[in-house]
PDB file of N, CA and C in Angstrom:
ATOM      1  N   MET A   1      -6.020  -7.351  39.974  1.00  0.00           N
ATOM      2  CA  MET A   1      -6.274  -7.986  38.696  1.00  0.00           C
ATOM      3  C   MET A   1      -7.643  -7.544  38.187  1.00  0.00           C
ATOM      4  N   SER A   2      -7.690  -7.117  36.923  1.00  0.00           N
ATOM      5  CA  SER A   2      -8.967  -6.681  36.384  1.00  0.00           C
ATOM      6  C   SER A   2      -9.620  -7.833  35.621  1.00  0.00           C
ATOM      7  N   VAL A   3     -10.922  -7.852  35.671  1.00  0.00           N
ATOM      8  CA  VAL A   3     -11.683  -8.876  34.970  1.00  0.00           C
ATOM      9  C   VAL A   3     -12.432  -8.210  33.831  1.00  0.00           C
ATOM     10  N   ILE A   4     -12.351  -8.802  32.646  1.00  0.00           N
ATOM     11  CA  ILE A   4     -13.046  -8.262  31.483  1.00  0.00           C
ATOM     12  C   ILE A   4     -14.344  -9.029  31.305  1.00  0.00           C
ATOM     13  N   ALA A   5     -15.427  -8.299  31.268  1.00  0.00           N
ATOM     14  CA  ALA A   5     -16.726  -8.934  31.055  1.00  0.00           C
ATOM     15  C   ALA A   5     -16.812  -9.423  29.616  1.00  0.00           C
ATOM     16  N   PRO A   6     -17.375 -10.610  29.363  1.00  0.00           N
ATOM     17  CA  PRO A   6     -17.474 -11.160  28.016  1.00  0.00           C
ATOM     18  C   PRO A   6     -18.199 -10.251  27.027  1.00  0.00           C
ATOM     19  N   VAL A   7     -19.093  -9.401  27.490  1.00  0.00           N
ATOM     20  CA  VAL A   7     -19.822  -8.522  26.586  1.00  0.00           C
ATOM     21  C   VAL A   7     -18.905  -7.458  25.982  1.00  0.00           C
ATOM     22  N   ASN A   8     -17.758  -7.210  26.591  1.00  0.00           N
ATOM     23  CA  ASN A   8     -16.828  -6.222  26.084  1.00  0.00           C
ATOM     24  C   ASN A   8     -15.850  -6.795  25.065  1.00  0.00           C
ATOM     25  N   LEU A   9     -15.863  -8.081  24.897  1.00  0.00           N
ATOM     26  CA  LEU A   9     -14.935  -8.708  23.964  1.00  0.00           C
ATOM     27  C   LEU A   9     -15.464  -8.599  22.534  1.00  0.00           C
ATOM     28  N   PRO A  10     -14.566  -8.496  21.550  1.00  0.00           N
ATOM     29  CA  PRO A  10     -15.010  -8.447  20.161  1.00  0.00           C
ATOM     30  C   PRO A  10     -15.606  -9.781  19.737  1.00  0.00           C
ATOM     31  N   ALA A  11     -16.396  -9.742  18.672  1.00  0.00           N
ATOM     32  CA  ALA A  11     -17.065 -10.947  18.184  1.00  0.00           C
ATOM     33  C   ALA A  11     -16.064 -11.991  17.702  1.00  0.00           C
ATOM     34  N   THR A  12     -14.942 -11.541  17.166  1.00  0.00           N
ATOM     35  CA  THR A  12     -13.900 -12.476  16.734  1.00  0.00           C
ATOM     36  C   THR A  12     -12.601 -12.078  17.396  1.00  0.00           C
ATOM     37  N   GLY A  13     -11.607 -12.923  17.295  1.00  0.00           N
ATOM     38  CA  GLY A  13     -10.312 -12.645  17.864  1.00  0.00           C
ATOM     39  C   GLY A  13      -9.486 -11.697  17.025  1.00  0.00           C
ATOM     40  N   ASN A  14      -9.917 -11.385  15.832  1.00  0.00           N
ATOM     41  CA  ASN A  14      -9.145 -10.536  14.937  1.00  0.00           C
ATOM     42  C   ASN A  14      -9.569  -9.083  15.110  1.00  0.00           C
ATOM     43  N   LEU A  15      -8.877  -8.369  15.981  1.00  0.00           N
ATOM     44  CA  LEU A  15      -9.242  -6.982  16.261  1.00  0.00           C
ATOM     45  C   LEU A  15      -8.937  -6.061  15.095  1.00  0.00           C
ATOM     46  N   ALA A  16      -7.956  -6.410  14.262  1.00  0.00           N
ATOM     47  CA  ALA A  16      -7.566  -5.535  13.147  1.00  0.00           C
ATOM     48  C   ALA A  16      -8.695  -5.368  12.142  1.00  0.00           C
ATOM     49  N   THR A  17      -9.505  -6.404  11.942  1.00  0.00           N
ATOM     50  CA  THR A  17     -10.576  -6.305  10.959  1.00  0.00           C
ATOM     51  C   THR A  17     -11.866  -5.771  11.570  1.00  0.00           C
ATOM     52  N   ASN A  18     -11.917  -5.668  12.898  1.00  0.00           N
ATOM     53  CA  ASN A  18     -13.120  -5.173  13.547  1.00  0.00           C
ATOM     54  C   ASN A  18     -13.157  -3.666  13.662  1.00  0.00           C
ATOM     55  N   VAL A  19     -12.075  -2.997  13.365  1.00  0.00           N
ATOM     56  CA  VAL A  19     -12.006  -1.548  13.488  1.00  0.00           C
ATOM     57  C   VAL A  19     -11.974  -0.949  12.086  1.00  0.00           C
ATOM     58  N   PRO A  20     -13.071  -0.299  11.649  1.00  0.00           N
ATOM     59  CA  PRO A  20     -13.127   0.243  10.287  1.00  0.00           C
ATOM     60  C   PRO A  20     -12.000   1.216   9.974  1.00  0.00           C
ATOM     61  N   GLY A  21     -11.583   2.024  10.920  1.00  0.00           N
ATOM     62  CA  GLY A  21     -10.497   2.978  10.695  1.00  0.00           C
ATOM     63  C   GLY A  21      -9.185   2.281  10.361  1.00  0.00           C
ATOM     64  N   LYS A  22      -8.909   1.191  11.064  1.00  0.00           N
ATOM     65  CA  LYS A  22      -7.681   0.435  10.793  1.00  0.00           C
ATOM     66  C   LYS A  22      -7.751  -0.229   9.431  1.00  0.00           C
ATOM     67  N   THR A  23      -8.900  -0.760   9.089  1.00  0.00           N
ATOM     68  CA  THR A  23      -9.056  -1.411   7.795  1.00  0.00           C
ATOM     69  C   THR A  23      -8.852  -0.413   6.665  1.00  0.00           C
ATOM     70  N   ALA A  24      -9.439   0.758   6.796  1.00  0.00           N
ATOM     71  CA  ALA A  24      -9.276   1.798   5.772  1.00  0.00           C
ATOM     72  C   ALA A  24      -7.822   2.242   5.678  1.00  0.00           C
ATOM     73  N   ARG A  25      -7.161   2.339   6.821  1.00  0.00           N
ATOM     74  CA  ARG A  25      -5.754   2.752   6.848  1.00  0.00           C
ATOM     75  C   ARG A  25      -4.874   1.704   6.169  1.00  0.00           C
ATOM     76  N   LEU A  26      -5.133   0.439   6.437  1.00  0.00           N
ATOM     77  CA  LEU A  26      -4.359  -0.637   5.821  1.00  0.00           C
ATOM     78  C   LEU A  26      -4.625  -0.720   4.318  1.00  0.00           C
ATOM     79  N   THR A  27      -5.877  -0.527   3.918  1.00  0.00           N
ATOM     80  CA  THR A  27      -6.218  -0.516   2.496  1.00  0.00           C
ATOM     81  C   THR A  27      -5.496   0.619   1.786  1.00  0.00           C
ATOM     82  N   SER A  28      -5.513   1.784   2.389  1.00  0.00           N
ATOM     83  CA  SER A  28      -4.846   2.940   1.803  1.00  0.00           C
ATOM     84  C   SER A  28      -3.340   2.712   1.690  1.00  0.00           C
ATOM     85  N   ALA A  29      -2.737   2.149   2.713  1.00  0.00           N
ATOM     86  CA  ALA A  29      -1.299   1.880   2.689  1.00  0.00           C
ATOM     87  C   ALA A  29      -0.951   0.863   1.601  1.00  0.00           C
ATOM     88  N   ALA A  30      -1.771  -0.166   1.456  1.00  0.00           N
ATOM     89  CA  ALA A  30      -1.522  -1.178   0.436  1.00  0.00           C
ATOM     90  C   ALA A  30      -1.649  -0.592  -0.967  1.00  0.00           C
ATOM     91  N   GLU A  31      -2.650   0.254  -1.174  1.00  0.00           N
ATOM     92  CA  GLU A  31      -2.827   0.892  -2.482  1.00  0.00           C
ATOM     93  C   GLU A  31      -1.682   1.856  -2.783  1.00  0.00           C
ATOM     94  N   GLU A  32      -1.233   2.574  -1.775  1.00  0.00           N
ATOM     95  CA  GLU A  32      -0.105   3.498  -1.954  1.00  0.00           C
ATOM     96  C   GLU A  32       1.162   2.717  -2.306  1.00  0.00           C
ATOM     97  N   PHE A  33       1.355   1.583  -1.647  1.00  0.00           N
ATOM     98  CA  PHE A  33       2.518   0.742  -1.955  1.00  0.00           C
ATOM     99  C   PHE A  33       2.472   0.271  -3.405  1.00  0.00           C
ATOM    100  N   GLU A  34       1.299  -0.207  -3.839  1.00  0.00           N
ATOM    101  CA  GLU A  34       1.163  -0.666  -5.221  1.00  0.00           C
ATOM    102  C   GLU A  34       1.434   0.479  -6.202  1.00  0.00           C
ATOM    103  N   SER A  35       0.938   1.648  -5.893  1.00  0.00           N
ATOM    104  CA  SER A  35       1.128   2.802  -6.767  1.00  0.00           C
ATOM    105  C   SER A  35       2.605   3.183  -6.881  1.00  0.00           C
ATOM    106  N   VAL A  36       3.304   3.216  -5.763  1.00  0.00           N
ATOM    107  CA  VAL A  36       4.733   3.562  -5.784  1.00  0.00           C
ATOM    108  C   VAL A  36       5.521   2.491  -6.531  1.00  0.00           C
ATOM    109  N   LEU A  37       5.202   1.229  -6.283  1.00  0.00           N
ATOM    110  CA  LEU A  37       5.886   0.138  -6.978  1.00  0.00           C
ATOM    111  C   LEU A  37       5.645   0.201  -8.484  1.00  0.00           C
ATOM    112  N   LEU A  38       4.403   0.406  -8.872  1.00  0.00           N
ATOM    113  CA  LEU A  38       4.093   0.551 -10.301  1.00  0.00           C
ATOM    114  C   LEU A  38       4.808   1.748 -10.909  1.00  0.00           C
ATOM    115  N   GLY A  39       4.869   2.855 -10.184  1.00  0.00           N
ATOM    116  CA  GLY A  39       5.567   4.042 -10.672  1.00  0.00           C
ATOM    117  C   GLY A  39       7.034   3.757 -10.937  1.00  0.00           C
ATOM    118  N   GLN A  40       7.652   3.012 -10.028  1.00  0.00           N
ATOM    119  CA  GLN A  40       9.061   2.662 -10.215  1.00  0.00           C
ATOM    120  C   GLN A  40       9.237   1.740 -11.413  1.00  0.00           C
ATOM    121  N   TRP A  41       8.337   0.772 -11.550  1.00  0.00           N
ATOM    122  CA  TRP A  41       8.424  -0.147 -12.700  1.00  0.00           C
ATOM    123  C   TRP A  41       8.250   0.610 -14.012  1.00  0.00           C
ATOM    124  N   LEU A  42       7.269   1.520 -14.037  1.00  0.00           N
ATOM    125  CA  LEU A  42       7.039   2.303 -15.255  1.00  0.00           C
ATOM    126  C   LEU A  42       8.234   3.198 -15.575  1.00  0.00           C
ATOM    127  N   LYS A  43       8.796   3.791 -14.543  1.00  0.00           N
ATOM    128  CA  LYS A  43       9.968   4.646 -14.741  1.00  0.00           C
ATOM    129  C   LYS A  43      11.140   3.822 -15.289  1.00  0.00           C
ATOM    130  N   ASP A  44      11.365   2.644 -14.711  1.00  0.00           N
ATOM    131  CA  ASP A  44      12.439   1.770 -15.183  1.00  0.00           C
ATOM    132  C   ASP A  44      12.188   1.312 -16.618  1.00  0.00           C
ATOM    133  N   ALA A  45      10.944   0.981 -16.919  1.00  0.00           N
ATOM    134  CA  ALA A  45      10.608   0.533 -18.278  1.00  0.00           C
ATOM    135  C   ALA A  45      10.803   1.667 -19.270  1.00  0.00           C
ATOM    136  N   GLU A  46      10.400   2.863 -18.902  1.00  0.00           N
ATOM    137  CA  GLU A  46      10.533   4.005 -19.803  1.00  0.00           C
ATOM    138  C   GLU A  46      12.005   4.340 -20.056  1.00  0.00           C
ATOM    139  N   SER A  47      12.830   4.181 -19.040  1.00  0.00           N
ATOM    140  CA  SER A  47      14.247   4.522 -19.200  1.00  0.00           C
ATOM    141  C   SER A  47      14.993   3.530 -20.083  1.00  0.00           C
ATOM    142  N   THR A  48      14.410   2.352 -20.312  1.00  0.00           N
ATOM    143  CA  THR A  48      15.080   1.373 -21.174  1.00  0.00           C
ATOM    144  C   THR A  48      14.900   1.689 -22.650  1.00  0.00           C
ATOM    145  N   PHE A  49      13.922   2.548 -22.969  1.00  0.00           N
ATOM    146  CA  PHE A  49      13.723   2.929 -24.363  1.00  0.00           C
ATOM    147  C   PHE A  49      14.801   3.923 -24.775  1.00  0.00           C
ATOM    148  N   GLY A  50      15.227   3.831 -26.022  1.00  0.00           N
ATOM    149  CA  GLY A  50      16.244   4.747 -26.517  1.00  0.00           C
ATOM    150  C   GLY A  50      15.708   6.161 -26.607  1.00  0.00           C
ATOM    151  N   SER A  51      16.582   7.130 -26.404  1.00  0.00           N
ATOM    152  CA  SER A  51      16.144   8.518 -26.492  1.00  0.00           C
ATOM    153  C   SER A  51      16.439   9.064 -27.877  1.00  0.00           C
ATOM    154  N   VAL A  52      15.625   9.997 -28.273  1.00  0.00           N
ATOM    155  CA  VAL A  52      15.763  10.651 -29.564  1.00  0.00           C
ATOM    156  C   VAL A  52      16.531  11.943 -29.345  1.00  0.00           C
ATOM    157  N   SER A  53      17.482  12.216 -30.194  1.00  0.00           N
ATOM    158  CA  SER A  53      18.253  13.442 -30.073  1.00  0.00           C
ATOM    159  C   SER A  53      17.323  14.649 -30.118  1.00  0.00           C
ATOM    160  N   GLY A  54      17.516  15.575 -29.171  1.00  0.00           N
ATOM    161  CA  GLY A  54      16.669  16.762 -29.117  1.00  0.00           C
ATOM    162  C   GLY A  54      15.403  16.561 -28.313  1.00  0.00           C
ATOM    163  N   SER A  55      15.245  15.404 -27.691  1.00  0.00           N
ATOM    164  CA  SER A  55      14.026  15.154 -26.910  1.00  0.00           C
ATOM    165  C   SER A  55      14.107  15.875 -25.571  1.00  0.00           C
ATOM    166  N   GLU A  56      13.017  15.797 -24.819  1.00  0.00           N
ATOM    167  CA  GLU A  56      12.936  16.497 -23.544  1.00  0.00           C
ATOM    168  C   GLU A  56      13.879  15.909 -22.493  1.00  0.00           C
ATOM    169  N   GLU A  57      14.478  14.756 -22.769  1.00  0.00           N
ATOM    170  CA  GLU A  57      15.384  14.140 -21.798  1.00  0.00           C
ATOM    171  C   GLU A  57      16.640  14.970 -21.585  1.00  0.00           C
ATOM    172  N   GLU A  58      16.937  15.871 -22.492  1.00  0.00           N
ATOM    173  CA  GLU A  58      18.163  16.641 -22.379  1.00  0.00           C
ATOM    174  C   GLU A  58      18.070  17.753 -21.350  1.00  0.00           C
ATOM    175  N   ASP A  59      16.889  18.050 -20.835  1.00  0.00           N
ATOM    176  CA  ASP A  59      16.788  19.061 -19.782  1.00  0.00           C
ATOM    177  C   ASP A  59      16.192  18.444 -18.522  1.00  0.00           C
ATOM    178  N   SER A  60      16.518  19.045 -17.385  1.00  0.00           N
ATOM    179  CA  SER A  60      16.060  18.487 -16.109  1.00  0.00           C
ATOM    180  C   SER A  60      14.551  18.620 -15.936  1.00  0.00           C
ATOM    181  N   GLY A  61      13.960  19.669 -16.506  1.00  0.00           N
ATOM    182  CA  GLY A  61      12.507  19.845 -16.418  1.00  0.00           C
ATOM    183  C   GLY A  61      11.757  18.721 -17.105  1.00  0.00           C
ATOM    184  N   GLY A  62      12.259  18.305 -18.265  1.00  0.00           N
ATOM    185  CA  GLY A  62      11.630  17.201 -18.986  1.00  0.00           C
ATOM    186  C   GLY A  62      11.730  15.897 -18.225  1.00  0.00           C
ATOM    187  N   GLU A  63      12.857  15.675 -17.581  1.00  0.00           N
ATOM    188  CA  GLU A  63      13.045  14.455 -16.781  1.00  0.00           C
ATOM    189  C   GLU A  63      12.091  14.441 -15.587  1.00  0.00           C
ATOM    190  N   GLN A  64      11.936  15.584 -14.922  1.00  0.00           N
ATOM    191  CA  GLN A  64      10.995  15.671 -13.803  1.00  0.00           C
ATOM    192  C   GLN A  64       9.565  15.442 -14.271  1.00  0.00           C
ATOM    193  N   MET A  65       9.235  16.010 -15.414  1.00  0.00           N
ATOM    194  CA  MET A  65       7.879  15.843 -15.946  1.00  0.00           C
ATOM    195  C   MET A  65       7.590  14.371 -16.237  1.00  0.00           C
ATOM    196  N   LYS A  66       8.573  13.654 -16.773  1.00  0.00           N
ATOM    197  CA  LYS A  66       8.386  12.219 -17.030  1.00  0.00           C
ATOM    198  C   LYS A  66       8.167  11.459 -15.738  1.00  0.00           C
ATOM    199  N   GLU A  67       8.920  11.813 -14.681  1.00  0.00           N
ATOM    200  CA  GLU A  67       8.745  11.137 -13.399  1.00  0.00           C
ATOM    201  C   GLU A  67       7.353  11.392 -12.834  1.00  0.00           C
ATOM    202  N   PHE A  68       6.891  12.647 -12.902  1.00  0.00           N
ATOM    203  CA  PHE A  68       5.537  12.970 -12.446  1.00  0.00           C
ATOM    204  C   PHE A  68       4.488  12.212 -13.259  1.00  0.00           C
ATOM    205  N   THR A  69       4.715  12.140 -14.567  1.00  0.00           N
ATOM    206  CA  THR A  69       3.776  11.446 -15.452  1.00  0.00           C
ATOM    207  C   THR A  69       3.704   9.965 -15.110  1.00  0.00           C
ATOM    208  N   MET A  70       4.848   9.337 -14.896  1.00  0.00           N
ATOM    209  CA  MET A  70       4.870   7.908 -14.567  1.00  0.00           C
ATOM    210  C   MET A  70       4.181   7.644 -13.231  1.00  0.00           C
ATOM    211  N   GLN A  71       4.405   8.512 -12.245  1.00  0.00           N
ATOM    212  CA  GLN A  71       3.766   8.312 -10.951  1.00  0.00           C
ATOM    213  C   GLN A  71       2.263   8.533 -11.041  1.00  0.00           C
ATOM    214  N   HIS A  72       1.840   9.524 -11.833  1.00  0.00           N
ATOM    215  CA  HIS A  72       0.407   9.758 -12.018  1.00  0.00           C
ATOM    216  C   HIS A  72      -0.244   8.566 -12.728  1.00  0.00           C
ATOM    217  N   LEU A  73       0.422   8.062 -13.744  1.00  0.00           N
ATOM    218  CA  LEU A  73      -0.087   6.888 -14.451  1.00  0.00           C
ATOM    219  C   LEU A  73      -0.209   5.702 -13.503  1.00  0.00           C
ATOM    220  N   ALA A  74       0.794   5.507 -12.662  1.00  0.00           N
ATOM    221  CA  ALA A  74       0.747   4.413 -11.692  1.00  0.00           C
ATOM    222  C   ALA A  74      -0.409   4.593 -10.716  1.00  0.00           C
ATOM    223  N   SER A  75      -0.636   5.830 -10.258  1.00  0.00           N
ATOM    224  CA  SER A  75      -1.750   6.094  -9.345  1.00  0.00           C
ATOM    225  C   SER A  75      -3.092   5.810 -10.007  1.00  0.00           C
ATOM    226  N   GLU A  76      -3.224   6.191 -11.265  1.00  0.00           N
ATOM    227  CA  GLU A  76      -4.467   5.924 -12.000  1.00  0.00           C
ATOM    228  C   GLU A  76      -4.690   4.425 -12.202  1.00  0.00           C
ATOM    229  N   ILE A  77      -3.642   3.704 -12.510  1.00  0.00           N
ATOM    230  CA  ILE A  77      -3.767   2.246 -12.671  1.00  0.00           C
ATOM    231  C   ILE A  77      -4.242   1.628 -11.360  1.00  0.00           C
ATOM    232  N   THR A  78      -3.636   2.044 -10.252  1.00  0.00           N
ATOM    233  CA  THR A  78      -4.024   1.523  -8.944  1.00  0.00           C
ATOM    234  C   THR A  78      -5.469   1.898  -8.619  1.00  0.00           C
ATOM    235  N   TYR A  79      -5.842   3.164  -8.870  1.00  0.00           N
ATOM    236  CA  TYR A  79      -7.194   3.642  -8.600  1.00  0.00           C
ATOM    237  C   TYR A  79      -8.239   2.848  -9.380  1.00  0.00           C
ATOM    238  N   ARG A  80      -7.894   2.423 -10.574  1.00  0.00           N
ATOM    239  CA  ARG A  80      -8.846   1.707 -11.433  1.00  0.00           C
ATOM    240  C   ARG A  80      -8.767   0.198 -11.271  1.00  0.00           C
ATOM    241  N   GLY A  81      -8.174  -0.275 -10.198  1.00  0.00           N
ATOM    242  CA  GLY A  81      -8.161  -1.704  -9.917  1.00  0.00           C
ATOM    243  C   GLY A  81      -6.775  -2.291  -9.802  1.00  0.00           C
ATOM    244  N   GLY A  82      -5.787  -1.598 -10.310  1.00  0.00           N
ATOM    245  CA  GLY A  82      -4.411  -2.052 -10.165  1.00  0.00           C
ATOM    246  C   GLY A  82      -4.117  -3.355 -10.874  1.00  0.00           C
ATOM    247  N   ILE A  83      -3.041  -3.960 -10.423  1.00  0.00           N
ATOM    248  CA  ILE A  83      -2.615  -5.231 -11.022  1.00  0.00           C
ATOM    249  C   ILE A  83      -2.685  -6.368 -10.014  1.00  0.00           C
ATOM    250  N   GLY A  84      -3.319  -6.124  -8.869  1.00  0.00           N
ATOM    251  CA  GLY A  84      -3.547  -7.194  -7.905  1.00  0.00           C
ATOM    252  C   GLY A  84      -2.572  -7.240  -6.747  1.00  0.00           C
ATOM    253  N   ILE A  85      -1.674  -6.278  -6.658  1.00  0.00           N
ATOM    254  CA  ILE A  85      -0.706  -6.280  -5.569  1.00  0.00           C
ATOM    255  C   ILE A  85      -1.327  -5.753  -4.274  1.00  0.00           C
ATOM    256  N   ALA A  86      -2.128  -4.703  -4.369  1.00  0.00           N
ATOM    257  CA  ALA A  86      -2.700  -4.070  -3.175  1.00  0.00           C
ATOM    258  C   ALA A  86      -3.506  -5.041  -2.302  1.00  0.00           C
ATOM    259  N   PRO A  87      -4.387  -5.877  -2.859  1.00  0.00           N
ATOM    260  CA  PRO A  87      -5.128  -6.801  -1.990  1.00  0.00           C
ATOM    261  C   PRO A  87      -4.228  -7.805  -1.271  1.00  0.00           C
ATOM    262  N   ILE A  88      -3.154  -8.219  -1.926  1.00  0.00           N
ATOM    263  CA  ILE A  88      -2.222  -9.157  -1.302  1.00  0.00           C
ATOM    264  C   ILE A  88      -1.488  -8.485  -0.146  1.00  0.00           C
ATOM    265  N   VAL A  89      -1.029  -7.256  -0.380  1.00  0.00           N
ATOM    266  CA  VAL A  89      -0.331  -6.501   0.660  1.00  0.00           C
ATOM    267  C   VAL A  89      -1.282  -6.201   1.811  1.00  0.00           C
ATOM    268  N   GLU A  90      -2.518  -5.818   1.489  1.00  0.00           N
ATOM    269  CA  GLU A  90      -3.506  -5.524   2.532  1.00  0.00           C
ATOM    270  C   GLU A  90      -3.759  -6.746   3.407  1.00  0.00           C
ATOM    271  N   LYS A  91      -3.903  -7.901   2.798  1.00  0.00           N
ATOM    272  CA  LYS A  91      -4.141  -9.137   3.541  1.00  0.00           C
ATOM    273  C   LYS A  91      -2.957  -9.435   4.467  1.00  0.00           C
ATOM    274  N   ALA A  92      -1.744  -9.252   3.954  1.00  0.00           N
ATOM    275  CA  ALA A  92      -0.550  -9.488   4.779  1.00  0.00           C
ATOM    276  C   ALA A  92      -0.473  -8.500   5.936  1.00  0.00           C
ATOM    277  N   LEU A  93      -0.810  -7.232   5.672  1.00  0.00           N
ATOM    278  CA  LEU A  93      -0.799  -6.223   6.739  1.00  0.00           C
ATOM    279  C   LEU A  93      -1.843  -6.540   7.805  1.00  0.00           C
ATOM    280  N   MET A  94      -3.027  -6.971   7.377  1.00  0.00           N
ATOM    281  CA  MET A  94      -4.073  -7.323   8.341  1.00  0.00           C
ATOM    282  C   MET A  94      -3.651  -8.507   9.195  1.00  0.00           C
ATOM    283  N   LYS A  95      -3.023  -9.486   8.559  1.00  0.00           N
ATOM    284  CA  LYS A  95      -2.552 -10.662   9.296  1.00  0.00           C
ATOM    285  C   LYS A  95      -1.482 -10.253  10.308  1.00  0.00           C
ATOM    286  N   GLN A  96      -0.570  -9.384   9.895  1.00  0.00           N
ATOM    287  CA  GLN A  96       0.474  -8.908  10.798  1.00  0.00           C
ATOM    288  C   GLN A  96      -0.126  -8.093  11.939  1.00  0.00           C
ATOM    289  N   GLU A  97      -1.070  -7.223  11.618  1.00  0.00           N
ATOM    290  CA  GLU A  97      -1.731  -6.410  12.635  1.00  0.00           C
ATOM    291  C   GLU A  97      -2.474  -7.294  13.629  1.00  0.00           C
ATOM    292  N   ALA A  98      -3.151  -8.321  13.134  1.00  0.00           N
ATOM    293  CA  ALA A  98      -3.887  -9.231  14.014  1.00  0.00           C
ATOM    294  C   ALA A  98      -2.935  -9.979  14.936  1.00  0.00           C
ATOM    295  N   SER A  99      -1.787 -10.405  14.413  1.00  0.00           N
ATOM    296  CA  SER A  99      -0.834 -11.126  15.260  1.00  0.00           C
ATOM    297  C   SER A  99      -0.211 -10.184  16.280  1.00  0.00           C
ATOM    298  N   ASN A 100      -0.009  -8.914  15.928  1.00  0.00           N
ATOM    299  CA  ASN A 100       0.506  -7.937  16.884  1.00  0.00           C
ATOM    300  C   ASN A 100      -0.492  -7.691  17.999  1.00  0.00           C
ATOM    301  N   VAL A 101      -1.775  -7.586  17.662  1.00  0.00           N
ATOM    302  CA  VAL A 101      -2.820  -7.366  18.666  1.00  0.00           C
ATOM    303  C   VAL A 101      -2.923  -8.585  19.560  1.00  0.00           C
ATOM    304  N   THR A 102      -2.903  -9.769  18.976  1.00  0.00           N
ATOM    305  CA  THR A 102      -2.987 -11.002  19.750  1.00  0.00           C
ATOM    306  C   THR A 102      -1.791 -11.112  20.688  1.00  0.00           C
ATOM    307  N   PHE A 103      -0.623 -10.747  20.202  1.00  0.00           N
ATOM    308  CA  PHE A 103       0.592 -10.801  21.006  1.00  0.00           C
ATOM    309  C   PHE A 103       0.483  -9.861  22.204  1.00  0.00           C
ATOM    310  N   ARG A 104       0.035  -8.614  21.959  1.00  0.00           N
ATOM    311  CA  ARG A 104      -0.106  -7.643  23.042  1.00  0.00           C
ATOM    312  C   ARG A 104      -1.198  -8.048  24.011  1.00  0.00           C
ATOM    313  N   GLU A 105      -2.325  -8.551  23.498  1.00  0.00           N
ATOM    314  CA  GLU A 105      -3.458  -8.938  24.347  1.00  0.00           C
ATOM    315  C   GLU A 105      -3.163 -10.220  25.112  1.00  0.00           C
ATOM    316  N   GLY A 106      -2.323 -11.071  24.548  1.00  0.00           N
ATOM    317  CA  GLY A 106      -2.064 -12.368  25.155  1.00  0.00           C
ATOM    318  C   GLY A 106      -1.007 -12.333  26.249  1.00  0.00           C
ATOM    319  N   GLY A 107      -0.533 -11.163  26.580  1.00  0.00           N
ATOM    320  CA  GLY A 107       0.431 -11.072  27.667  1.00  0.00           C
ATOM    321  C   GLY A 107       1.855 -11.381  27.230  1.00  0.00           C
ATOM    322  N   GLY A 108       2.153 -11.302  25.962  1.00  0.00           N
ATOM    323  CA  GLY A 108       3.521 -11.482  25.506  1.00  0.00           C
ATOM    324  C   GLY A 108       3.914 -12.910  25.219  1.00  0.00           C
ATOM    325  N   ARG A 109       2.943 -13.772  25.031  1.00  0.00           N
ATOM    326  CA  ARG A 109       3.270 -15.169  24.718  1.00  0.00           C
ATOM    327  C   ARG A 109       3.792 -15.310  23.333  1.00  0.00           C
TER     328      ARG A 109
END
């Protein structure tokens, strides 16, 4: 049986927030999720508008360009602060990560 010296223990029980790399990874994942979700919403909203005869929608290149444009717009919205989804997702991911670490460290309780 190994004994862990108290000096080796983290200051808090939440290991997920004590590791800067994990925090940055979770933040990035949450922002990416918000960006993809916004891109889908923008794409869906754009498709509800009526098309004009002769518009770029009649060719596949124009449709791809619109998809790229919507995703870029979503990424820019997220980069500039988003709509508040990323912080909520990040908090949930951190909570899940902390419970996973506690579960593994606690011997499977």
